[in-house]
Amino acid sequence: MRKELAKSNGERKTFTATFSRIGSKKNYKGYSEPTVLLTSIIDLETNKKVSDHIWFSLTKGFEDSGLKEGKEGSIVEFEARVKEYKKGYVNKLYKINEQTVDYKLSHPTKIKIKLKVEN
């Protein structure tokens, strides 16, 4: 699905998405860190779906936009940079390298709620 993102590697673009929920992940020190799940990511320039979901850290930009529990289904507009990353299994001892290249969105800015859902 993220093949559309590959065409824009390194570019900063504007996207819309549907806010799904707040989650959490463990950071590098082992502490819990809040995250945001956005679904149905659409590139506004081409009006094409570029990903079915993206997880972001719950940054100050997301907090200031008003995204929180109870606002699921709200449409969010934001700018982000398209970046390449490697994913997959690597075991150097047994010379196993099953890494592949995929694409993600990073550094989200200018986050606005375009359509609020009141729950």
PDB file of N, CA and C in Angstrom:
ATOM      1  N   MET A   1       0.828  -1.202   0.000  1.00  0.00           N
ATOM      2  CA  MET A   1       0.000   0.000   0.000  1.00  0.00           C
ATOM      3  C   MET A   1       0.867   1.259   0.000  1.00  0.00           C
ATOM      4  N   ARG A   2       2.031   1.237   0.627  1.00  0.00           N
ATOM      5  CA  ARG A   2       2.843   2.449   0.758  1.00  0.00           C
ATOM      6  C   ARG A   2       3.724   2.714  -0.462  1.00  0.00           C
ATOM      7  N   LYS A   3       3.436   2.054  -1.572  1.00  0.00           N
ATOM      8  CA  LYS A   3       4.181   2.303  -2.807  1.00  0.00           C
ATOM      9  C   LYS A   3       3.954   3.735  -3.303  1.00  0.00           C
ATOM     10  N   GLU A   4       2.773   4.286  -3.025  1.00  0.00           N
ATOM     11  CA  GLU A   4       2.495   5.678  -3.395  1.00  0.00           C
ATOM     12  C   GLU A   4       3.429   6.630  -2.639  1.00  0.00           C
ATOM     13  N   LEU A   5       3.763   6.285  -1.383  1.00  0.00           N
ATOM     14  CA  LEU A   5       4.677   7.125  -0.608  1.00  0.00           C
ATOM     15  C   LEU A   5       6.085   7.095  -1.194  1.00  0.00           C
ATOM     16  N   ALA A   6       6.491   5.969  -1.772  1.00  0.00           N
ATOM     17  CA  ALA A   6       7.831   5.838  -2.340  1.00  0.00           C
ATOM     18  C   ALA A   6       8.088   6.886  -3.421  1.00  0.00           C
ATOM     19  N   LYS A   7       7.061   7.263  -4.136  1.00  0.00           N
ATOM     20  CA  LYS A   7       7.200   8.255  -5.209  1.00  0.00           C
ATOM     21  C   LYS A   7       7.542   9.640  -4.677  1.00  0.00           C
ATOM     22  N   SER A   8       7.267   9.877  -3.384  1.00  0.00           N
ATOM     23  CA  SER A   8       7.480  11.196  -2.782  1.00  0.00           C
ATOM     24  C   SER A   8       8.562  11.175  -1.711  1.00  0.00           C
ATOM     25  N   ASN A   9       9.475  10.207  -1.766  1.00  0.00           N
ATOM     26  CA  ASN A   9      10.501  10.068  -0.732  1.00  0.00           C
ATOM     27  C   ASN A   9      11.290  11.371  -0.553  1.00  0.00           C
ATOM     28  N   GLY A  10      11.353  11.838   0.705  1.00  0.00           N
ATOM     29  CA  GLY A  10      12.101  13.047   1.028  1.00  0.00           C
ATOM     30  C   GLY A  10      11.289  14.327   0.944  1.00  0.00           C
ATOM     31  N   GLU A  11      10.087  14.276   0.421  1.00  0.00           N
ATOM     32  CA  GLU A  11       9.266  15.481   0.260  1.00  0.00           C
ATOM     33  C   GLU A  11       8.376  15.710   1.470  1.00  0.00           C
ATOM     34  N   ARG A  12       8.073  16.979   1.735  1.00  0.00           N
ATOM     35  CA  ARG A  12       7.078  17.344   2.754  1.00  0.00           C
ATOM     36  C   ARG A  12       5.779  17.614   2.006  1.00  0.00           C
ATOM     37  N   LYS A  13       4.709  16.924   2.435  1.00  0.00           N
ATOM     38  CA  LYS A  13       3.430  17.030   1.748  1.00  0.00           C
ATOM     39  C   LYS A  13       2.305  17.197   2.754  1.00  0.00           C
ATOM     40  N   THR A  14       1.123  17.514   2.251  1.00  0.00           N
ATOM     41  CA  THR A  14      -0.066  17.672   3.084  1.00  0.00           C
ATOM     42  C   THR A  14      -0.955  16.441   2.928  1.00  0.00           C
ATOM     43  N   PHE A  15      -1.444  15.943   4.064  1.00  0.00           N
ATOM     44  CA  PHE A  15      -2.259  14.727   4.099  1.00  0.00           C
ATOM     45  C   PHE A  15      -3.512  14.959   4.932  1.00  0.00           C
ATOM     46  N   THR A  16      -4.525  14.127   4.698  1.00  0.00           N
ATOM     47  CA  THR A  16      -5.673  14.051   5.604  1.00  0.00           C
ATOM     48  C   THR A  16      -5.760  12.610   6.091  1.00  0.00           C
ATOM     49  N   ALA A  17      -6.362  12.446   7.257  1.00  0.00           N
ATOM     50  CA  ALA A  17      -6.506  11.111   7.838  1.00  0.00           C
ATOM     51  C   ALA A  17      -7.660  11.118   8.817  1.00  0.00           C
ATOM     52  N   THR A  18      -8.095   9.946   9.199  1.00  0.00           N
ATOM     53  CA  THR A  18      -9.141   9.780  10.196  1.00  0.00           C
ATOM     54  C   THR A  18      -8.493   9.396  11.522  1.00  0.00           C
ATOM     55  N   PHE A  19      -8.793  10.162  12.565  1.00  0.00           N
ATOM     56  CA  PHE A  19      -8.276   9.848  13.902  1.00  0.00           C
ATOM     57  C   PHE A  19      -8.977   8.598  14.410  1.00  0.00           C
ATOM     58  N   SER A  20      -8.192   7.582  14.800  1.00  0.00           N
ATOM     59  CA  SER A  20      -8.766   6.322  15.254  1.00  0.00           C
ATOM     60  C   SER A  20      -8.734   6.182  16.768  1.00  0.00           C
ATOM     61  N   ARG A  21      -7.540   6.368  17.366  1.00  0.00           N
ATOM     62  CA  ARG A  21      -7.460   6.231  18.816  1.00  0.00           C
ATOM     63  C   ARG A  21      -6.111   6.679  19.349  1.00  0.00           C
ATOM     64  N   ILE A  22      -6.048   6.818  20.672  1.00  0.00           N
ATOM     65  CA  ILE A  22      -4.811   7.074  21.396  1.00  0.00           C
ATOM     66  C   ILE A  22      -4.300   5.719  21.875  1.00  0.00           C
ATOM     67  N   GLY A  23      -3.000   5.481  21.763  1.00  0.00           N
ATOM     68  CA  GLY A  23      -2.399   4.238  22.232  1.00  0.00           C
ATOM     69  C   GLY A  23      -1.156   4.543  23.041  1.00  0.00           C
ATOM     70  N   SER A  24      -0.272   3.572  23.154  1.00  0.00           N
ATOM     71  CA  SER A  24       0.990   3.805  23.852  1.00  0.00           C
ATOM     72  C   SER A  24       2.047   2.836  23.346  1.00  0.00           C
ATOM     73  N   LYS A  25       3.298   3.211  23.533  1.00  0.00           N
ATOM     74  CA  LYS A  25       4.438   2.363  23.198  1.00  0.00           C
ATOM     75  C   LYS A  25       5.487   2.558  24.278  1.00  0.00           C
ATOM     76  N   LYS A  26       6.433   1.647  24.353  1.00  0.00           N
ATOM     77  CA  LYS A  26       7.532   1.805  25.296  1.00  0.00           C
ATOM     78  C   LYS A  26       8.666   2.527  24.585  1.00  0.00           C
ATOM     79  N   ASN A  27       9.196   3.585  25.229  1.00  0.00           N
ATOM     80  CA  ASN A  27      10.310   4.298  24.629  1.00  0.00           C
ATOM     81  C   ASN A  27      11.625   3.567  24.914  1.00  0.00           C
ATOM     82  N   TYR A  28      12.737   4.131  24.470  1.00  0.00           N
ATOM     83  CA  TYR A  28      14.020   3.445  24.581  1.00  0.00           C
ATOM     84  C   TYR A  28      14.469   3.239  26.024  1.00  0.00           C
ATOM     85  N   LYS A  29      13.897   3.967  26.971  1.00  0.00           N
ATOM     86  CA  LYS A  29      14.221   3.769  28.381  1.00  0.00           C
ATOM     87  C   LYS A  29      13.237   2.830  29.070  1.00  0.00           C
ATOM     88  N   GLY A  30      12.234   2.346  28.333  1.00  0.00           N
ATOM     89  CA  GLY A  30      11.276   1.405  28.882  1.00  0.00           C
ATOM     90  C   GLY A  30      10.023   2.029  29.458  1.00  0.00           C
ATOM     91  N   TYR A  31       9.915   3.353  29.371  1.00  0.00           N
ATOM     92  CA  TYR A  31       8.732   4.039  29.895  1.00  0.00           C
ATOM     93  C   TYR A  31       7.640   4.100  28.833  1.00  0.00           C
ATOM     94  N   SER A  32       6.406   4.138  29.266  1.00  0.00           N
ATOM     95  CA  SER A  32       5.272   4.215  28.360  1.00  0.00           C
ATOM     96  C   SER A  32       5.164   5.626  27.780  1.00  0.00           C
ATOM     97  N   GLU A  33       4.903   5.699  26.480  1.00  0.00           N
ATOM     98  CA  GLU A  33       4.800   6.976  25.777  1.00  0.00           C
ATOM     99  C   GLU A  33       3.514   6.963  24.951  1.00  0.00           C
ATOM    100  N   PRO A  34       2.681   8.007  25.050  1.00  0.00           N
ATOM    101  CA  PRO A  34       1.416   8.015  24.296  1.00  0.00           C
ATOM    102  C   PRO A  34       1.628   8.160  22.783  1.00  0.00           C
ATOM    103  N   THR A  35       0.745   7.511  22.018  1.00  0.00           N
ATOM    104  CA  THR A  35       0.805   7.557  20.558  1.00  0.00           C
ATOM    105  C   THR A  35      -0.579   7.867  19.989  1.00  0.00           C
ATOM    106  N   VAL A  36      -0.615   8.189  18.698  1.00  0.00           N
ATOM    107  CA  VAL A  36      -1.856   8.496  17.981  1.00  0.00           C
ATOM    108  C   VAL A  36      -1.932   7.582  16.767  1.00  0.00           C
ATOM    109  N   LEU A  37      -3.078   6.937  16.566  1.00  0.00           N
ATOM    110  CA  LEU A  37      -3.299   6.114  15.378  1.00  0.00           C
ATOM    111  C   LEU A  37      -4.198   6.872  14.411  1.00  0.00           C
ATOM    112  N   LEU A  38      -3.669   7.099  13.198  1.00  0.00           N
ATOM    113  CA  LEU A  38      -4.442   7.721  12.125  1.00  0.00           C
ATOM    114  C   LEU A  38      -4.656   6.669  11.041  1.00  0.00           C
ATOM    115  N   THR A  39      -5.861   6.611  10.487  1.00  0.00           N
ATOM    116  CA  THR A  39      -6.178   5.637   9.442  1.00  0.00           C
ATOM    117  C   THR A  39      -6.584   6.357   8.159  1.00  0.00           C
ATOM    118  N   SER A  40      -6.606   5.611   7.067  1.00  0.00           N
ATOM    119  CA  SER A  40      -7.010   6.124   5.742  1.00  0.00           C
ATOM    120  C   SER A  40      -6.268   7.409   5.388  1.00  0.00           C
ATOM    121  N   ILE A  41      -4.956   7.312   5.257  1.00  0.00           N
ATOM    122  CA  ILE A  41      -4.114   8.469   4.966  1.00  0.00           C
ATOM    123  C   ILE A  41      -4.224   8.803   3.479  1.00  0.00           C
ATOM    124  N   ILE A  42      -4.596  10.056   3.179  1.00  0.00           N
ATOM    125  CA  ILE A  42      -4.787  10.495   1.799  1.00  0.00           C
ATOM    126  C   ILE A  42      -3.868  11.676   1.506  1.00  0.00           C
ATOM    127  N   ASP A  43      -3.143  11.595   0.384  1.00  0.00           N
ATOM    128  CA  ASP A  43      -2.297  12.687  -0.089  1.00  0.00           C
ATOM    129  C   ASP A  43      -3.212  13.717  -0.746  1.00  0.00           C
ATOM    130  N   LEU A  44      -3.234  14.944  -0.221  1.00  0.00           N
ATOM    131  CA  LEU A  44      -4.148  15.964  -0.756  1.00  0.00           C
ATOM    132  C   LEU A  44      -3.772  16.405  -2.167  1.00  0.00           C
ATOM    133  N   GLU A  45      -2.498  16.326  -2.520  1.00  0.00           N
ATOM    134  CA  GLU A  45      -2.061  16.747  -3.855  1.00  0.00           C
ATOM    135  C   GLU A  45      -2.616  15.830  -4.947  1.00  0.00           C
ATOM    136  N   THR A  46      -2.538  14.509  -4.715  1.00  0.00           N
ATOM    137  CA  THR A  46      -2.994  13.544  -5.723  1.00  0.00           C
ATOM    138  C   THR A  46      -4.373  12.982  -5.409  1.00  0.00           C
ATOM    139  N   ASN A  47      -4.859  13.220  -4.180  1.00  0.00           N
ATOM    140  CA  ASN A  47      -6.138  12.703  -3.706  1.00  0.00           C
ATOM    141  C   ASN A  47      -6.180  11.166  -3.726  1.00  0.00           C
ATOM    142  N   LYS A  48      -5.002  10.530  -3.521  1.00  0.00           N
ATOM    143  CA  LYS A  48      -4.908   9.071  -3.486  1.00  0.00           C
ATOM    144  C   LYS A  48      -4.617   8.602  -2.072  1.00  0.00           C
ATOM    145  N   LYS A  49      -5.139   7.432  -1.729  1.00  0.00           N
ATOM    146  CA  LYS A  49      -4.842   6.815  -0.432  1.00  0.00           C
ATOM    147  C   LYS A  49      -3.413   6.281  -0.483  1.00  0.00           C
ATOM    148  N   VAL A  50      -2.573   6.713   0.475  1.00  0.00           N
ATOM    149  CA  VAL A  50      -1.174   6.308   0.480  1.00  0.00           C
ATOM    150  C   VAL A  50      -0.854   5.284   1.559  1.00  0.00           C
ATOM    151  N   SER A  51      -1.725   5.147   2.548  1.00  0.00           N
ATOM    152  CA  SER A  51      -1.507   4.156   3.609  1.00  0.00           C
ATOM    153  C   SER A  51      -2.824   3.885   4.323  1.00  0.00           C
ATOM    154  N   ASP A  52      -2.952   2.676   4.844  1.00  0.00           N
ATOM    155  CA  ASP A  52      -4.174   2.366   5.589  1.00  0.00           C
ATOM    156  C   ASP A  52      -4.085   2.853   7.028  1.00  0.00           C
ATOM    157  N   HIS A  53      -2.860   2.945   7.586  1.00  0.00           N
ATOM    158  CA  HIS A  53      -2.704   3.485   8.942  1.00  0.00           C
ATOM    159  C   HIS A  53      -1.278   4.002   9.164  1.00  0.00           C
ATOM    160  N   ILE A  54      -1.146   4.899  10.129  1.00  0.00           N
ATOM    161  CA  ILE A  54       0.150   5.449  10.554  1.00  0.00           C
ATOM    162  C   ILE A  54       0.067   5.709  12.050  1.00  0.00           C
ATOM    163  N   TRP A  55       1.113   5.335  12.773  1.00  0.00           N
ATOM    164  CA  TRP A  55       1.222   5.659  14.199  1.00  0.00           C
ATOM    165  C   TRP A  55       2.187   6.824  14.356  1.00  0.00           C
ATOM    166  N   PHE A  56       1.825   7.813  15.152  1.00  0.00           N
ATOM    167  CA  PHE A  56       2.700   8.930  15.503  1.00  0.00           C
ATOM    168  C   PHE A  56       2.795   9.007  17.018  1.00  0.00           C
ATOM    169  N   SER A  57       3.890   9.571  17.521  1.00  0.00           N
ATOM    170  CA  SER A  57       3.945   9.915  18.942  1.00  0.00           C
ATOM    171  C   SER A  57       2.958  11.044  19.184  1.00  0.00           C
ATOM    172  N   LEU A  58       2.378  11.072  20.362  1.00  0.00           N
ATOM    173  CA  LEU A  58       1.424  12.132  20.715  1.00  0.00           C
ATOM    174  C   LEU A  58       2.228  13.386  21.055  1.00  0.00           C
ATOM    175  N   THR A  59       2.522  14.181  20.028  1.00  0.00           N
ATOM    176  CA  THR A  59       3.333  15.390  20.185  1.00  0.00           C
ATOM    177  C   THR A  59       2.474  16.559  20.650  1.00  0.00           C
ATOM    178  N   LYS A  60       3.137  17.660  20.969  1.00  0.00           N
ATOM    179  CA  LYS A  60       2.433  18.875  21.382  1.00  0.00           C
ATOM    180  C   LYS A  60       1.489  19.348  20.277  1.00  0.00           C
ATOM    181  N   GLY A  61       1.890  19.176  19.022  1.00  0.00           N
ATOM    182  CA  GLY A  61       1.041  19.563  17.896  1.00  0.00           C
ATOM    183  C   GLY A  61      -0.286  18.833  17.885  1.00  0.00           C
ATOM    184  N   PHE A  62      -0.255  17.529  18.169  1.00  0.00           N
ATOM    185  CA  PHE A  62      -1.503  16.754  18.236  1.00  0.00           C
ATOM    186  C   PHE A  62      -2.332  17.176  19.444  1.00  0.00           C
ATOM    187  N   GLU A  63      -1.665  17.407  20.581  1.00  0.00           N
ATOM    188  CA  GLU A  63      -2.394  17.835  21.780  1.00  0.00           C
ATOM    189  C   GLU A  63      -3.060  19.195  21.565  1.00  0.00           C
ATOM    190  N   ASP A  64      -2.326  20.145  20.963  1.00  0.00           N
ATOM    191  CA  ASP A  64      -2.866  21.489  20.724  1.00  0.00           C
ATOM    192  C   ASP A  64      -4.027  21.482  19.733  1.00  0.00           C
ATOM    193  N   SER A  65      -4.055  20.484  18.834  1.00  0.00           N
ATOM    194  CA  SER A  65      -5.132  20.415  17.838  1.00  0.00           C
ATOM    195  C   SER A  65      -6.451  19.962  18.461  1.00  0.00           C
ATOM    196  N   GLY A  66      -6.391  19.378  19.654  1.00  0.00           N
ATOM    197  CA  GLY A  66      -7.616  18.947  20.326  1.00  0.00           C
ATOM    198  C   GLY A  66      -7.932  17.472  20.167  1.00  0.00           C
ATOM    199  N   LEU A  67      -7.001  16.691  19.597  1.00  0.00           N
ATOM    200  CA  LEU A  67      -7.240  15.254  19.475  1.00  0.00           C
ATOM    201  C   LEU A  67      -7.144  14.603  20.843  1.00  0.00           C
ATOM    202  N   LYS A  68      -8.161  13.863  21.209  1.00  0.00           N
ATOM    203  CA  LYS A  68      -8.167  13.140  22.480  1.00  0.00           C
ATOM    204  C   LYS A  68      -9.227  12.058  22.419  1.00  0.00           C
ATOM    205  N   GLU A  69      -9.245  11.214  23.443  1.00  0.00           N
ATOM    206  CA  GLU A  69     -10.253  10.161  23.520  1.00  0.00           C
ATOM    207  C   GLU A  69     -11.641  10.776  23.385  1.00  0.00           C
ATOM    208  N   GLY A  70     -12.511  10.122  22.664  1.00  0.00           N
ATOM    209  CA  GLY A  70     -13.857  10.636  22.460  1.00  0.00           C
ATOM    210  C   GLY A  70     -14.007  11.393  21.150  1.00  0.00           C
ATOM    211  N   LYS A  71     -12.907  11.653  20.461  1.00  0.00           N
ATOM    212  CA  LYS A  71     -12.954  12.369  19.179  1.00  0.00           C
ATOM    213  C   LYS A  71     -12.693  11.413  18.006  1.00  0.00           C
ATOM    214  N   GLU A  72     -12.809  10.098  18.238  1.00  0.00           N
ATOM    215  CA  GLU A  72     -12.568   9.117  17.193  1.00  0.00           C
ATOM    216  C   GLU A  72     -13.462   9.398  15.989  1.00  0.00           C
ATOM    217  N   GLY A  73     -12.890   9.280  14.799  1.00  0.00           N
ATOM    218  CA  GLY A  73     -13.637   9.536  13.573  1.00  0.00           C
ATOM    219  C   GLY A  73     -13.441  10.934  13.021  1.00  0.00           C
ATOM    220  N   SER A  74     -12.789  11.815  13.792  1.00  0.00           N
ATOM    221  CA  SER A  74     -12.520  13.175  13.310  1.00  0.00           C
ATOM    222  C   SER A  74     -11.521  13.133  12.156  1.00  0.00           C
ATOM    223  N   ILE A  75     -11.693  14.038  11.195  1.00  0.00           N
ATOM    224  CA  ILE A  75     -10.787  14.144  10.053  1.00  0.00           C
ATOM    225  C   ILE A  75      -9.706  15.158  10.400  1.00  0.00           C
ATOM    226  N   VAL A  76      -8.446  14.749  10.217  1.00  0.00           N
ATOM    227  CA  VAL A  76      -7.295  15.564  10.579  1.00  0.00           C
ATOM    228  C   VAL A  76      -6.508  15.898   9.320  1.00  0.00           C
ATOM    229  N   GLU A  77      -6.067  17.144   9.217  1.00  0.00           N
ATOM    230  CA  GLU A  77      -5.179  17.558   8.128  1.00  0.00           C
ATOM    231  C   GLU A  77      -3.830  17.893   8.750  1.00  0.00           C
ATOM    232  N   PHE A  78      -2.737  17.478   8.103  1.00  0.00           N
ATOM    233  CA  PHE A  78      -1.397  17.735   8.629  1.00  0.00           C
ATOM    234  C   PHE A  78      -0.377  17.678   7.508  1.00  0.00           C
ATOM    235  N   GLU A  79       0.791  18.235   7.775  1.00  0.00           N
ATOM    236  CA  GLU A  79       1.927  18.123   6.864  1.00  0.00           C
ATOM    237  C   GLU A  79       2.923  17.165   7.490  1.00  0.00           C
ATOM    238  N   ALA A  80       3.600  16.362   6.661  1.00  0.00           N
ATOM    239  CA  ALA A  80       4.607  15.434   7.155  1.00  0.00           C
ATOM    240  C   ALA A  80       5.614  15.150   6.043  1.00  0.00           C
ATOM    241  N   ARG A  81       6.788  14.709   6.469  1.00  0.00           N
ATOM    242  CA  ARG A  81       7.840  14.347   5.520  1.00  0.00           C
ATOM    243  C   ARG A  81       7.777  12.843   5.260  1.00  0.00           C
ATOM    244  N   VAL A  82       7.926  12.456   3.985  1.00  0.00           N
ATOM    245  CA  VAL A  82       7.972  11.042   3.608  1.00  0.00           C
ATOM    246  C   VAL A  82       9.411  10.568   3.763  1.00  0.00           C
ATOM    247  N   LYS A  83       9.599   9.494   4.553  1.00  0.00           N
ATOM    248  CA  LYS A  83      10.947   8.962   4.787  1.00  0.00           C
ATOM    249  C   LYS A  83      10.978   7.457   4.565  1.00  0.00           C
ATOM    250  N   GLU A  84      12.137   6.994   4.149  1.00  0.00           N
ATOM    251  CA  GLU A  84      12.397   5.572   3.951  1.00  0.00           C
ATOM    252  C   GLU A  84      12.923   4.985   5.256  1.00  0.00           C
ATOM    253  N   TYR A  85      12.537   3.739   5.554  1.00  0.00           N
ATOM    254  CA  TYR A  85      13.116   3.037   6.700  1.00  0.00           C
ATOM    255  C   TYR A  85      13.201   1.549   6.389  1.00  0.00           C
ATOM    256  N   LYS A  86      14.059   0.849   7.153  1.00  0.00           N
ATOM    257  CA  LYS A  86      14.231  -0.590   6.969  1.00  0.00           C
ATOM    258  C   LYS A  86      13.462  -1.328   8.050  1.00  0.00           C
ATOM    259  N   LYS A  87      12.812  -2.409   7.653  1.00  0.00           N
ATOM    260  CA  LYS A  87      12.100  -3.246   8.610  1.00  0.00           C
ATOM    261  C   LYS A  87      12.388  -4.696   8.280  1.00  0.00           C
ATOM    262  N   GLY A  88      12.240  -5.554   9.273  1.00  0.00           N
ATOM    263  CA  GLY A  88      12.445  -6.970   9.047  1.00  0.00           C
ATOM    264  C   GLY A  88      13.457  -7.572  10.004  1.00  0.00           C
ATOM    265  N   TYR A  89      13.658  -8.867   9.891  1.00  0.00           N
ATOM    266  CA  TYR A  89      14.484  -9.648  10.808  1.00  0.00           C
ATOM    267  C   TYR A  89      15.934  -9.688  10.343  1.00  0.00           C
ATOM    268  N   VAL A  90      16.876  -9.485  11.296  1.00  0.00           N
ATOM    269  CA  VAL A  90      18.300  -9.595  11.025  1.00  0.00           C
ATOM    270  C   VAL A  90      18.938 -10.405  12.148  1.00  0.00           C
ATOM    271  N   ASN A  91      19.746 -11.397  11.781  1.00  0.00           N
ATOM    272  CA  ASN A  91      20.533 -12.163  12.739  1.00  0.00           C
ATOM    273  C   ASN A  91      21.927 -12.297  12.150  1.00  0.00           C
ATOM    274  N   LYS A  92      22.879 -11.478  12.634  1.00  0.00           N
ATOM    275  CA  LYS A  92      24.234 -11.460  12.075  1.00  0.00           C
ATOM    276  C   LYS A  92      24.986 -12.760  12.354  1.00  0.00           C
ATOM    277  N   LEU A  93      24.715 -13.394  13.483  1.00  0.00           N
ATOM    278  CA  LEU A  93      25.394 -14.636  13.836  1.00  0.00           C
ATOM    279  C   LEU A  93      25.136 -15.727  12.799  1.00  0.00           C
ATOM    280  N   TYR A  94      23.904 -15.860  12.356  1.00  0.00           N
ATOM    281  CA  TYR A  94      23.540 -16.871  11.373  1.00  0.00           C
ATOM    282  C   TYR A  94      23.444 -16.317   9.953  1.00  0.00           C
ATOM    283  N   LYS A  95      23.911 -15.103   9.777  1.00  0.00           N
ATOM    284  CA  LYS A  95      23.917 -14.436   8.453  1.00  0.00           C
ATOM    285  C   LYS A  95      22.532 -14.426   7.804  1.00  0.00           C
ATOM    286  N   ILE A  96      21.535 -14.058   8.632  1.00  0.00           N
ATOM    287  CA  ILE A  96      20.165 -13.929   8.136  1.00  0.00           C
ATOM    288  C   ILE A  96      19.843 -12.439   8.051  1.00  0.00           C
ATOM    289  N   ASN A  97      19.421 -12.000   6.891  1.00  0.00           N
ATOM    290  CA  ASN A  97      19.025 -10.603   6.705  1.00  0.00           C
ATOM    291  C   ASN A  97      17.760 -10.578   5.856  1.00  0.00           C
ATOM    292  N   GLU A  98      16.627 -10.420   6.521  1.00  0.00           N
ATOM    293  CA  GLU A  98      15.342 -10.384   5.833  1.00  0.00           C
ATOM    294  C   GLU A  98      14.750  -8.981   5.861  1.00  0.00           C
ATOM    295  N   GLN A  99      15.635  -7.964   5.853  1.00  0.00           N
ATOM    296  CA  GLN A  99      15.161  -6.587   5.885  1.00  0.00           C
ATOM    297  C   GLN A  99      14.609  -6.172   4.526  1.00  0.00           C
ATOM    298  N   THR A 100      13.580  -5.335   4.576  1.00  0.00           N
ATOM    299  CA  THR A 100      13.030  -4.722   3.376  1.00  0.00           C
ATOM    300  C   THR A 100      12.894  -3.225   3.630  1.00  0.00           C
ATOM    301  N   VAL A 101      12.758  -2.475   2.581  1.00  0.00           N
ATOM    302  CA  VAL A 101      12.586  -1.024   2.682  1.00  0.00           C
ATOM    303  C   VAL A 101      11.103  -0.703   2.628  1.00  0.00           C
ATOM    304  N   ASP A 102      10.665   0.173   3.519  1.00  0.00           N
ATOM    305  CA  ASP A 102       9.286   0.641   3.521  1.00  0.00           C
ATOM    306  C   ASP A 102       9.326   2.155   3.703  1.00  0.00           C
ATOM    307  N   TYR A 103       8.177   2.790   3.693  1.00  0.00           N
ATOM    308  CA  TYR A 103       8.109   4.248   3.784  1.00  0.00           C
ATOM    309  C   TYR A 103       7.162   4.653   4.893  1.00  0.00           C
ATOM    310  N   LYS A 104       7.484   5.764   5.549  1.00  0.00           N
ATOM    311  CA  LYS A 104       6.693   6.264   6.666  1.00  0.00           C
ATOM    312  C   LYS A 104       6.531   7.766   6.542  1.00  0.00           C
ATOM    313  N   LEU A 105       5.674   8.324   7.376  1.00  0.00           N
ATOM    314  CA  LEU A 105       5.535   9.765   7.495  1.00  0.00           C
ATOM    315  C   LEU A 105       6.173  10.174   8.810  1.00  0.00           C
ATOM    316  N   SER A 106       6.951  11.257   8.793  1.00  0.00           N
ATOM    317  CA  SER A 106       7.595  11.705  10.023  1.00  0.00           C
ATOM    318  C   SER A 106       7.481  13.215  10.145  1.00  0.00           C
ATOM    319  N   HIS A 107       7.751  13.707  11.336  1.00  0.00           N
ATOM    320  CA  HIS A 107       7.737  15.133  11.658  1.00  0.00           C
ATOM    321  C   HIS A 107       6.418  15.816  11.257  1.00  0.00           C
ATOM    322  N   PRO A 108       5.297  15.357  11.813  1.00  0.00           N
ATOM    323  CA  PRO A 108       4.014  15.986  11.477  1.00  0.00           C
ATOM    324  C   PRO A 108       3.927  17.409  12.049  1.00  0.00           C
ATOM    325  N   THR A 109       3.445  18.344  11.226  1.00  0.00           N
ATOM    326  CA  THR A 109       3.276  19.740  11.648  1.00  0.00           C
ATOM    327  C   THR A 109       1.959  20.266  11.095  1.00  0.00           C
ATOM    328  N   LYS A 110       1.600  21.473  11.497  1.00  0.00           N
ATOM    329  CA  LYS A 110       0.386  22.150  11.014  1.00  0.00           C
ATOM    330  C   LYS A 110      -0.840  21.247  11.125  1.00  0.00           C
ATOM    331  N   ILE A 111      -1.004  20.634  12.285  1.00  0.00           N
ATOM    332  CA  ILE A 111      -2.078  19.672  12.529  1.00  0.00           C
ATOM    333  C   ILE A 111      -3.365  20.414  12.865  1.00  0.00           C
ATOM    334  N   LYS A 112      -4.433  20.132  12.092  1.00  0.00           N
ATOM    335  CA  LYS A 112      -5.735  20.765  12.304  1.00  0.00           C
ATOM    336  C   LYS A 112      -6.831  19.731  12.179  1.00  0.00           C
ATOM    337  N   ILE A 113      -7.854  19.875  12.991  1.00  0.00           N
ATOM    338  CA  ILE A 113      -9.036  19.024  12.834  1.00  0.00           C
ATOM    339  C   ILE A 113      -9.946  19.704  11.823  1.00  0.00           C
ATOM    340  N   LYS A 114     -10.216  19.009  10.710  1.00  0.00           N
ATOM    341  CA  LYS A 114     -11.071  19.561   9.644  1.00  0.00           C
ATOM    342  C   LYS A 114     -12.543  19.263   9.878  1.00  0.00           C
ATOM    343  N   LEU A 115     -12.836  18.092  10.449  1.00  0.00           N
ATOM    344  CA  LEU A 115     -14.217  17.696  10.717  1.00  0.00           C
ATOM    345  C   LEU A 115     -14.251  17.018  12.068  1.00  0.00           C
ATOM    346  N   LYS A 116     -14.913  17.670  13.042  1.00  0.00           N
ATOM    347  CA  LYS A 116     -14.989  17.113  14.387  1.00  0.00           C
ATOM    348  C   LYS A 116     -16.163  16.168  14.505  1.00  0.00           C
ATOM    349  N   VAL A 117     -15.942  15.088  15.225  1.00  0.00           N
ATOM    350  CA  VAL A 117     -16.995  14.138  15.548  1.00  0.00           C
ATOM    351  C   VAL A 117     -17.255  14.273  17.041  1.00  0.00           C
ATOM    352  N   GLU A 118     -18.461  14.552  17.389  1.00  0.00           N
ATOM    353  CA  GLU A 118     -18.814  14.690  18.808  1.00  0.00           C
ATOM    354  C   GLU A 118     -19.396  13.382  19.303  1.00  0.00           C
ATOM    355  N   ASN A 119     -18.711  12.766  20.267  1.00  0.00           N
ATOM    356  CA  ASN A 119     -19.190  11.499  20.854  1.00  0.00           C
ATOM    357  C   ASN A 119     -19.737  11.731  22.219  1.00  0.00           C
TER     358      ASN A 119
END
